[in-house]
Amino acid sequence: MSVALPMVQCVKCKKWSAGPHFAGWCRLCLVFMGLDPDSNPCHQEKKDGTSMGVP
């Protein structure tokens, strides 16, 4: 069974996406502003597959 991710509208570009958001910004806007969302431990997984961010 798959779980649907909620769609969220980016506050900067107004695009809708289901990916991880930070402060209401989509991943593309974060990268465009020079931030690397992949370096944020909340968006990475440990080797055992568990999330390192919010439980």
N, C-alpha and C. Protein backbone atom coordinates (compact mmCIF):
# COMPACT_ATOMS: atom_id res chain seq x y z
N MET A 1 0.84 -1.17 0.00
CA MET A 1 0.00 0.00 0.00
C MET A 1 0.89 1.24 0.00
N SER A 2 0.61 2.17 -0.89
CA SER A 2 1.40 3.39 -0.95
C SER A 2 0.64 4.53 -0.26
N VAL A 3 1.41 5.47 0.24
CA VAL A 3 0.84 6.61 0.93
C VAL A 3 1.02 7.84 0.04
N ALA A 4 -0.05 8.56 -0.20
CA ALA A 4 0.02 9.77 -1.02
C ALA A 4 0.64 10.91 -0.22
N LEU A 5 1.59 11.59 -0.82
CA LEU A 5 2.21 12.75 -0.17
C LEU A 5 1.32 13.97 -0.40
N PRO A 6 1.16 14.80 0.60
CA PRO A 6 0.33 16.00 0.42
C PRO A 6 1.02 17.00 -0.51
N MET A 7 0.24 17.61 -1.36
CA MET A 7 0.77 18.63 -2.26
C MET A 7 0.85 19.96 -1.50
N VAL A 8 1.96 20.67 -1.70
CA VAL A 8 2.18 21.95 -1.03
C VAL A 8 2.59 22.96 -2.09
N GLN A 9 2.08 24.18 -1.97
CA GLN A 9 2.42 25.24 -2.92
C GLN A 9 3.61 26.03 -2.40
N CYS A 10 4.63 26.18 -3.24
CA CYS A 10 5.82 26.96 -2.89
C CYS A 10 5.43 28.43 -2.76
N VAL A 11 5.89 29.07 -1.69
CA VAL A 11 5.55 30.48 -1.48
C VAL A 11 6.33 31.41 -2.41
N LYS A 12 7.41 30.92 -3.02
CA LYS A 12 8.22 31.76 -3.90
C LYS A 12 7.75 31.65 -5.36
N CYS A 13 7.70 30.43 -5.90
CA CYS A 13 7.38 30.27 -7.32
C CYS A 13 5.92 29.88 -7.57
N LYS A 14 5.18 29.57 -6.50
CA LYS A 14 3.76 29.22 -6.56
C LYS A 14 3.48 27.89 -7.25
N LYS A 15 4.52 27.06 -7.47
CA LYS A 15 4.32 25.73 -8.05
C LYS A 15 3.91 24.76 -6.96
N TRP A 16 3.12 23.76 -7.35
CA TRP A 16 2.69 22.73 -6.42
C TRP A 16 3.62 21.53 -6.53
N SER A 17 4.02 20.96 -5.40
CA SER A 17 4.85 19.76 -5.41
C SER A 17 4.63 18.98 -4.13
N ALA A 18 5.04 17.72 -4.17
CA ALA A 18 4.87 16.85 -3.00
C ALA A 18 6.19 16.59 -2.30
N GLY A 19 7.26 17.20 -2.77
CA GLY A 19 8.56 16.96 -2.18
C GLY A 19 8.75 17.65 -0.85
N PRO A 20 9.89 17.40 -0.21
CA PRO A 20 10.17 18.07 1.06
C PRO A 20 10.30 19.58 0.86
N HIS A 21 9.74 20.33 1.77
CA HIS A 21 9.77 21.78 1.70
C HIS A 21 10.43 22.34 2.95
N PHE A 22 11.08 23.46 2.81
CA PHE A 22 11.67 24.17 3.94
C PHE A 22 11.13 25.59 3.91
N ALA A 23 10.46 25.99 4.96
CA ALA A 23 9.87 27.33 5.08
C ALA A 23 8.94 27.64 3.91
N GLY A 24 8.28 26.59 3.38
CA GLY A 24 7.32 26.79 2.30
C GLY A 24 7.94 26.91 0.91
N TRP A 25 9.27 26.73 0.80
CA TRP A 25 9.95 26.81 -0.50
C TRP A 25 10.13 25.41 -1.07
N CYS A 26 9.97 25.27 -2.38
CA CYS A 26 10.21 23.98 -3.03
C CYS A 26 11.72 23.75 -3.19
N ARG A 27 12.09 22.54 -3.52
CA ARG A 27 13.50 22.17 -3.66
C ARG A 27 14.19 23.00 -4.74
N LEU A 28 13.50 23.22 -5.86
CA LEU A 28 14.10 23.98 -6.96
C LEU A 28 14.42 25.41 -6.54
N CYS A 29 13.54 26.05 -5.80
CA CYS A 29 13.81 27.42 -5.33
C CYS A 29 14.95 27.44 -4.32
N LEU A 30 15.04 26.43 -3.46
CA LEU A 30 16.14 26.36 -2.51
C LEU A 30 17.48 26.25 -3.24
N VAL A 31 17.53 25.39 -4.27
CA VAL A 31 18.76 25.21 -5.04
C VAL A 31 19.10 26.51 -5.78
N PHE A 32 18.09 27.16 -6.36
CA PHE A 32 18.30 28.41 -7.09
C PHE A 32 18.87 29.50 -6.19
N MET A 33 18.46 29.52 -4.93
CA MET A 33 18.95 30.53 -3.99
C MET A 33 20.30 30.15 -3.38
N GLY A 34 20.87 29.03 -3.81
CA GLY A 34 22.20 28.64 -3.35
C GLY A 34 22.21 27.72 -2.15
N LEU A 35 21.04 27.28 -1.71
CA LEU A 35 20.96 26.34 -0.59
C LEU A 35 20.93 24.92 -1.14
N ASP A 36 21.57 24.01 -0.45
CA ASP A 36 21.59 22.61 -0.89
C ASP A 36 20.72 21.79 0.04
N PRO A 37 19.47 21.49 -0.36
CA PRO A 37 18.59 20.72 0.52
C PRO A 37 19.11 19.31 0.79
N ASP A 38 19.98 18.80 -0.08
CA ASP A 38 20.53 17.46 0.13
C ASP A 38 21.56 17.44 1.25
N SER A 39 22.10 18.60 1.64
CA SER A 39 23.07 18.64 2.72
C SER A 39 22.39 18.77 4.08
N ASN A 40 21.09 19.00 4.09
CA ASN A 40 20.33 19.12 5.33
C ASN A 40 20.07 17.72 5.88
N PRO A 41 20.49 17.40 7.11
CA PRO A 41 20.30 16.05 7.65
C PRO A 41 18.84 15.63 7.73
N CYS A 42 17.92 16.58 7.76
CA CYS A 42 16.50 16.23 7.82
C CYS A 42 16.03 15.56 6.54
N HIS A 43 16.73 15.80 5.42
CA HIS A 43 16.31 15.25 4.14
C HIS A 43 17.14 14.04 3.73
N GLN A 44 18.07 13.62 4.57
CA GLN A 44 18.92 12.48 4.25
C GLN A 44 18.49 11.26 5.06
N GLU A 45 18.96 10.10 4.64
CA GLU A 45 18.69 8.88 5.38
C GLU A 45 20.00 8.26 5.84
N LYS A 46 19.94 7.63 7.00
CA LYS A 46 21.11 6.91 7.48
C LYS A 46 21.24 5.62 6.68
N LYS A 47 22.35 4.93 6.86
CA LYS A 47 22.58 3.70 6.11
C LYS A 47 21.56 2.62 6.41
N ASP A 48 20.97 2.61 7.61
CA ASP A 48 19.98 1.59 7.93
C ASP A 48 18.59 1.95 7.41
N GLY A 49 18.47 3.11 6.72
CA GLY A 49 17.21 3.49 6.09
C GLY A 49 16.28 4.31 6.96
N THR A 50 16.71 4.64 8.17
CA THR A 50 15.85 5.45 9.03
C THR A 50 16.12 6.93 8.80
N SER A 51 15.15 7.74 9.04
CA SER A 51 15.29 9.18 8.83
C SER A 51 16.14 9.79 9.95
N MET A 52 16.96 10.78 9.59
CA MET A 52 17.80 11.45 10.59
C MET A 52 17.13 12.72 11.11
N GLY A 53 16.00 13.09 10.55
CA GLY A 53 15.34 14.33 10.94
C GLY A 53 14.31 14.09 12.02
N VAL A 54 13.17 14.68 11.84
CA VAL A 54 12.08 14.56 12.80
C VAL A 54 11.58 13.12 12.81
N PRO A 55 11.40 12.51 13.98
CA PRO A 55 10.97 11.10 14.02
C PRO A 55 9.58 10.90 13.49
